[in-house]
Amino acid sequence: MRAVIQRVKEASVKVKGEVVGEIGQGLLVLLGISQGDTAADIPWMIDKIINLRIFEKEDGKFDQSLLDIDGALLVVSQFTLYGDCSRGRRPSFSEAMSAQEAKTYFDMFLERAKEKIAKVEKGTFQASMEVSLVNEGPVTVIIDSKQ
């Protein structure tokens, strides 16, 4: 699994002009699921994300996690994180898990996240979405369960 994590003041997702997910302070997670991923990657990834100390204390140091600030989580499925651009001009997405399987893992990820975080919102799987955010910092990190 691969996640692009952005610390946000607010973020939302629209599908066909309608807001389907919206949070205040917290993390926007763009989540990619690859063919080699298993259910065992889910708890590791969630634990890593919610415990990342990327929120600042008064002294300006990154010393608080999503749990510490009681922040929200907005998760958006993004198979394009597995786009291979090493050949030609069109990305290959052959490493991405099939949509049917990925949906199962995405739903499992959300359910597990809801066990840990009070507010978890999501985008619509396989939909064309408009993601809006106010990136605080900006702070953006990438996590890969295989590294």
C-alpha atoms as a PDB file:
ATOM      1  CA  MET A   1       0.000   0.000   0.000  1.00  0.00           C
ATOM      2  CA  ARG A   2       1.131   3.471  -0.762  1.00  0.00           C
ATOM      3  CA  ALA A   3      -0.229   6.612   0.855  1.00  0.00           C
ATOM      4  CA  VAL A   4       0.314  10.276   0.168  1.00  0.00           C
ATOM      5  CA  ILE A   5      -0.553  12.021   3.415  1.00  0.00           C
ATOM      6  CA  GLN A   6      -1.255  15.735   3.632  1.00  0.00           C
ATOM      7  CA  ARG A   7      -1.704  17.654   6.861  1.00  0.00           C
ATOM      8  CA  VAL A   8      -4.774  19.802   6.319  1.00  0.00           C
ATOM      9  CA  LYS A   9      -6.750  22.561   7.973  1.00  0.00           C
ATOM     10  CA  GLU A  10      -9.715  21.278   5.969  1.00  0.00           C
ATOM     11  CA  ALA A  11     -10.390  18.971   3.047  1.00  0.00           C
ATOM     12  CA  SER A  12     -13.374  17.750   1.061  1.00  0.00           C
ATOM     13  CA  VAL A  13     -14.308  15.474  -1.799  1.00  0.00           C
ATOM     14  CA  LYS A  14     -17.064  16.117  -4.320  1.00  0.00           C
ATOM     15  CA  VAL A  15     -18.623  13.705  -6.783  1.00  0.00           C
ATOM     16  CA  LYS A  16     -20.847  15.249  -9.473  1.00  0.00           C
ATOM     17  CA  GLY A  17     -20.863  18.532  -7.557  1.00  0.00           C
ATOM     18  CA  GLU A  18     -22.026  16.956  -4.272  1.00  0.00           C
ATOM     19  CA  VAL A  19     -19.805  16.781  -1.181  1.00  0.00           C
ATOM     20  CA  VAL A  20     -19.361  13.113  -0.204  1.00  0.00           C
ATOM     21  CA  GLY A  21     -16.644  13.571   2.428  1.00  0.00           C
ATOM     22  CA  GLU A  22     -15.428  16.547   4.415  1.00  0.00           C
ATOM     23  CA  ILE A  23     -13.121  17.142   7.399  1.00  0.00           C
ATOM     24  CA  GLY A  24     -11.634  19.979   9.398  1.00  0.00           C
ATOM     25  CA  GLN A  25      -8.117  19.691  10.849  1.00  0.00           C
ATOM     26  CA  GLY A  26      -6.529  16.345  10.213  1.00  0.00           C
ATOM     27  CA  LEU A  27      -5.050  14.261   7.433  1.00  0.00           C
ATOM     28  CA  LEU A  28      -6.023  13.736   3.818  1.00  0.00           C
ATOM     29  CA  VAL A  29      -4.842  10.291   2.741  1.00  0.00           C
ATOM     30  CA  LEU A  30      -4.602   9.380  -0.935  1.00  0.00           C
ATOM     31  CA  LEU A  31      -4.423   5.578  -0.772  1.00  0.00           C
ATOM     32  CA  GLY A  32      -3.083   3.309  -3.507  1.00  0.00           C
ATOM     33  CA  ILE A  33      -3.386  -0.473  -3.299  1.00  0.00           C
ATOM     34  CA  SER A  34      -1.051  -2.706  -5.290  1.00  0.00           C
ATOM     35  CA  GLN A  35      -1.294  -6.296  -6.497  1.00  0.00           C
ATOM     36  CA  GLY A  36       1.177  -7.440  -3.837  1.00  0.00           C
ATOM     37  CA  ASP A  37      -0.735  -5.986  -0.904  1.00  0.00           C
ATOM     38  CA  THR A  38      -2.440  -8.169   1.679  1.00  0.00           C
ATOM     39  CA  ALA A  39      -4.830  -7.599   4.557  1.00  0.00           C
ATOM     40  CA  ALA A  40      -1.769  -7.600   6.848  1.00  0.00           C
ATOM     41  CA  ASP A  41      -0.678  -4.275   5.321  1.00  0.00           C
ATOM     42  CA  ILE A  42      -3.811  -2.511   6.586  1.00  0.00           C
ATOM     43  CA  PRO A  43      -3.185  -2.386  10.350  1.00  0.00           C
ATOM     44  CA  TRP A  44       0.461  -1.454   9.790  1.00  0.00           C
ATOM     45  CA  MET A  45      -0.480   1.388   7.447  1.00  0.00           C
ATOM     46  CA  ILE A  46      -3.216   2.757   9.699  1.00  0.00           C
ATOM     47  CA  ASP A  47      -0.993   2.600  12.767  1.00  0.00           C
ATOM     48  CA  LYS A  48       1.761   4.439  10.907  1.00  0.00           C
ATOM     49  CA  ILE A  49      -0.595   7.148   9.624  1.00  0.00           C
ATOM     50  CA  ILE A  50      -2.447   7.908  12.839  1.00  0.00           C
ATOM     51  CA  ASN A  51       0.731   7.934  14.947  1.00  0.00           C
ATOM     52  CA  LEU A  52       2.877  10.049  12.597  1.00  0.00           C
ATOM     53  CA  ARG A  53       4.091  13.042  14.572  1.00  0.00           C
ATOM     54  CA  ILE A  54       3.530  15.698  11.900  1.00  0.00           C
ATOM     55  CA  PHE A  55       1.457  18.207  13.841  1.00  0.00           C
ATOM     56  CA  GLU A  56       3.256  21.035  15.590  1.00  0.00           C
ATOM     57  CA  LYS A  57       3.249  21.902  19.246  1.00  0.00           C
ATOM     58  CA  GLU A  58       3.580  25.494  20.443  1.00  0.00           C
ATOM     59  CA  ASP A  59       7.378  25.322  20.024  1.00  0.00           C
ATOM     60  CA  GLY A  60       6.986  24.626  16.295  1.00  0.00           C
ATOM     61  CA  LYS A  61       8.342  21.065  16.453  1.00  0.00           C
ATOM     62  CA  PHE A  62       6.531  18.153  14.854  1.00  0.00           C
ATOM     63  CA  ASP A  63       5.627  16.330  18.023  1.00  0.00           C
ATOM     64  CA  GLN A  64       1.929  15.465  17.825  1.00  0.00           C
ATOM     65  CA  SER A  65       0.036  12.793  15.945  1.00  0.00           C
ATOM     66  CA  LEU A  66      -3.485  12.706  14.561  1.00  0.00           C
ATOM     67  CA  LEU A  67      -4.507  10.929  17.766  1.00  0.00           C
ATOM     68  CA  ASP A  68      -2.903  13.629  19.934  1.00  0.00           C
ATOM     69  CA  ILE A  69      -4.843  16.443  18.268  1.00  0.00           C
ATOM     70  CA  ASP A  70      -8.072  14.440  17.962  1.00  0.00           C
ATOM     71  CA  GLY A  71      -7.997  15.139  14.225  1.00  0.00           C
ATOM     72  CA  ALA A  72     -10.068  13.713  11.398  1.00  0.00           C
ATOM     73  CA  LEU A  73      -9.127  11.474   8.505  1.00  0.00           C
ATOM     74  CA  LEU A  74     -10.290  11.786   4.883  1.00  0.00           C
ATOM     75  CA  VAL A  75      -9.337   8.754   2.777  1.00  0.00           C
ATOM     76  CA  VAL A  76      -9.467   8.831  -1.025  1.00  0.00           C
ATOM     77  CA  SER A  77      -8.693   5.776  -3.149  1.00  0.00           C
ATOM     78  CA  GLN A  78      -6.067   6.565  -5.773  1.00  0.00           C
ATOM     79  CA  PHE A  79      -4.814   3.733  -7.976  1.00  0.00           C
ATOM     80  CA  THR A  80      -2.698   6.231  -9.926  1.00  0.00           C
ATOM     81  CA  LEU A  81      -0.153   6.158  -7.079  1.00  0.00           C
ATOM     82  CA  TYR A  82       1.024   2.964  -8.750  1.00  0.00           C
ATOM     83  CA  GLY A  83       1.487   4.613 -12.143  1.00  0.00           C
ATOM     84  CA  ASP A  84       4.794   3.555 -13.710  1.00  0.00           C
ATOM     85  CA  CYS A  85       6.132   6.376 -15.878  1.00  0.00           C
ATOM     86  CA  SER A  86       9.512   4.809 -16.655  1.00  0.00           C
ATOM     87  CA  ARG A  87       8.625   3.986 -20.271  1.00  0.00           C
ATOM     88  CA  GLY A  88       6.930   6.074 -22.878  1.00  0.00           C
ATOM     89  CA  ARG A  89       4.614   8.968 -22.111  1.00  0.00           C
ATOM     90  CA  ARG A  90       1.556   7.154 -20.766  1.00  0.00           C
ATOM     91  CA  PRO A  91       1.720   5.704 -17.241  1.00  0.00           C
ATOM     92  CA  SER A  92       1.220   1.981 -16.838  1.00  0.00           C
ATOM     93  CA  PHE A  93      -0.998   0.973 -13.952  1.00  0.00           C
ATOM     94  CA  SER A  94      -0.226  -2.757 -14.117  1.00  0.00           C
ATOM     95  CA  GLU A  95       1.042  -2.764 -10.497  1.00  0.00           C
ATOM     96  CA  ALA A  96      -2.293  -1.486  -9.143  1.00  0.00           C
ATOM     97  CA  MET A  97      -4.671  -4.052  -7.694  1.00  0.00           C
ATOM     98  CA  SER A  98      -7.797  -4.786  -9.734  1.00  0.00           C
ATOM     99  CA  ALA A  99     -10.714  -2.523  -8.861  1.00  0.00           C
ATOM    100  CA  GLN A 100     -12.851  -5.345  -7.465  1.00  0.00           C
ATOM    101  CA  GLU A 101     -10.124  -6.540  -5.078  1.00  0.00           C
ATOM    102  CA  ALA A 102      -8.964  -3.018  -4.211  1.00  0.00           C
ATOM    103  CA  LYS A 103     -12.503  -2.044  -3.163  1.00  0.00           C
ATOM    104  CA  THR A 104     -12.455  -4.839  -0.590  1.00  0.00           C
ATOM    105  CA  TYR A 105      -9.131  -3.634   0.826  1.00  0.00           C
ATOM    106  CA  PHE A 106     -10.244   0.005   0.742  1.00  0.00           C
ATOM    107  CA  ASP A 107     -13.372  -0.857   2.732  1.00  0.00           C
ATOM    108  CA  MET A 108     -11.301  -2.892   5.193  1.00  0.00           C
ATOM    109  CA  PHE A 109      -8.934   0.058   5.586  1.00  0.00           C
ATOM    110  CA  LEU A 110     -11.854   2.378   6.374  1.00  0.00           C
ATOM    111  CA  GLU A 111     -13.406   0.002   8.901  1.00  0.00           C
ATOM    112  CA  ARG A 112     -10.094  -0.455  10.697  1.00  0.00           C
ATOM    113  CA  ALA A 113      -9.476   3.311  10.691  1.00  0.00           C
ATOM    114  CA  LYS A 114     -12.913   3.903  12.253  1.00  0.00           C
ATOM    115  CA  GLU A 115     -11.864   1.680  15.163  1.00  0.00           C
ATOM    116  CA  LYS A 116      -9.047   4.129  15.938  1.00  0.00           C
ATOM    117  CA  ILE A 117     -10.255   7.569  14.834  1.00  0.00           C
ATOM    118  CA  ALA A 118     -13.533   9.239  15.801  1.00  0.00           C
ATOM    119  CA  LYS A 119     -14.087  10.993  12.450  1.00  0.00           C
ATOM    120  CA  VAL A 120     -13.253   9.129   9.248  1.00  0.00           C
ATOM    121  CA  GLU A 121     -14.615  10.352   5.924  1.00  0.00           C
ATOM    122  CA  LYS A 122     -14.029   8.964   2.435  1.00  0.00           C
ATOM    123  CA  GLY A 123     -14.225   9.620  -1.241  1.00  0.00           C
ATOM    124  CA  THR A 124     -16.323   7.461  -3.561  1.00  0.00           C
ATOM    125  CA  PHE A 125     -14.429   4.443  -4.838  1.00  0.00           C
ATOM    126  CA  GLN A 126     -13.892   4.480  -8.640  1.00  0.00           C
ATOM    127  CA  ALA A 127     -15.646   7.820  -9.061  1.00  0.00           C
ATOM    128  CA  SER A 128     -14.299  10.907 -10.756  1.00  0.00           C
ATOM    129  CA  MET A 129     -13.735  13.149  -7.742  1.00  0.00           C
ATOM    130  CA  GLU A 130     -12.832  16.740  -7.024  1.00  0.00           C
ATOM    131  CA  VAL A 131     -10.567  16.884  -3.978  1.00  0.00           C
ATOM    132  CA  SER A 132     -10.151  20.249  -2.265  1.00  0.00           C
ATOM    133  CA  LEU A 133      -7.807  20.949   0.605  1.00  0.00           C
ATOM    134  CA  VAL A 134      -5.991  23.568   2.570  1.00  0.00           C
ATOM    135  CA  ASN A 135      -2.600  21.946   3.118  1.00  0.00           C
ATOM    136  CA  GLU A 136      -1.263  23.174   6.435  1.00  0.00           C
ATOM    137  CA  GLY A 137       2.479  23.831   6.353  1.00  0.00           C
ATOM    138  CA  PRO A 138       2.492  22.551   3.663  1.00  0.00           C
ATOM    139  CA  VAL A 139       3.224  19.110   5.047  1.00  0.00           C
ATOM    140  CA  THR A 140       3.070  16.128   2.689  1.00  0.00           C
ATOM    141  CA  VAL A 141       4.652  12.717   3.296  1.00  0.00           C
ATOM    142  CA  ILE A 142       4.614   9.401   1.442  1.00  0.00           C
ATOM    143  CA  ILE A 143       4.414   6.025   3.145  1.00  0.00           C
ATOM    144  CA  ASP A 144       4.785   2.657   1.438  1.00  0.00           C
ATOM    145  CA  SER A 145       4.056  -0.548   3.339  1.00  0.00           C
ATOM    146  CA  LYS A 146       6.682  -2.373   1.291  1.00  0.00           C
ATOM    147  CA  GLN A 147       9.564  -0.093   2.279  1.00  0.00           C
END
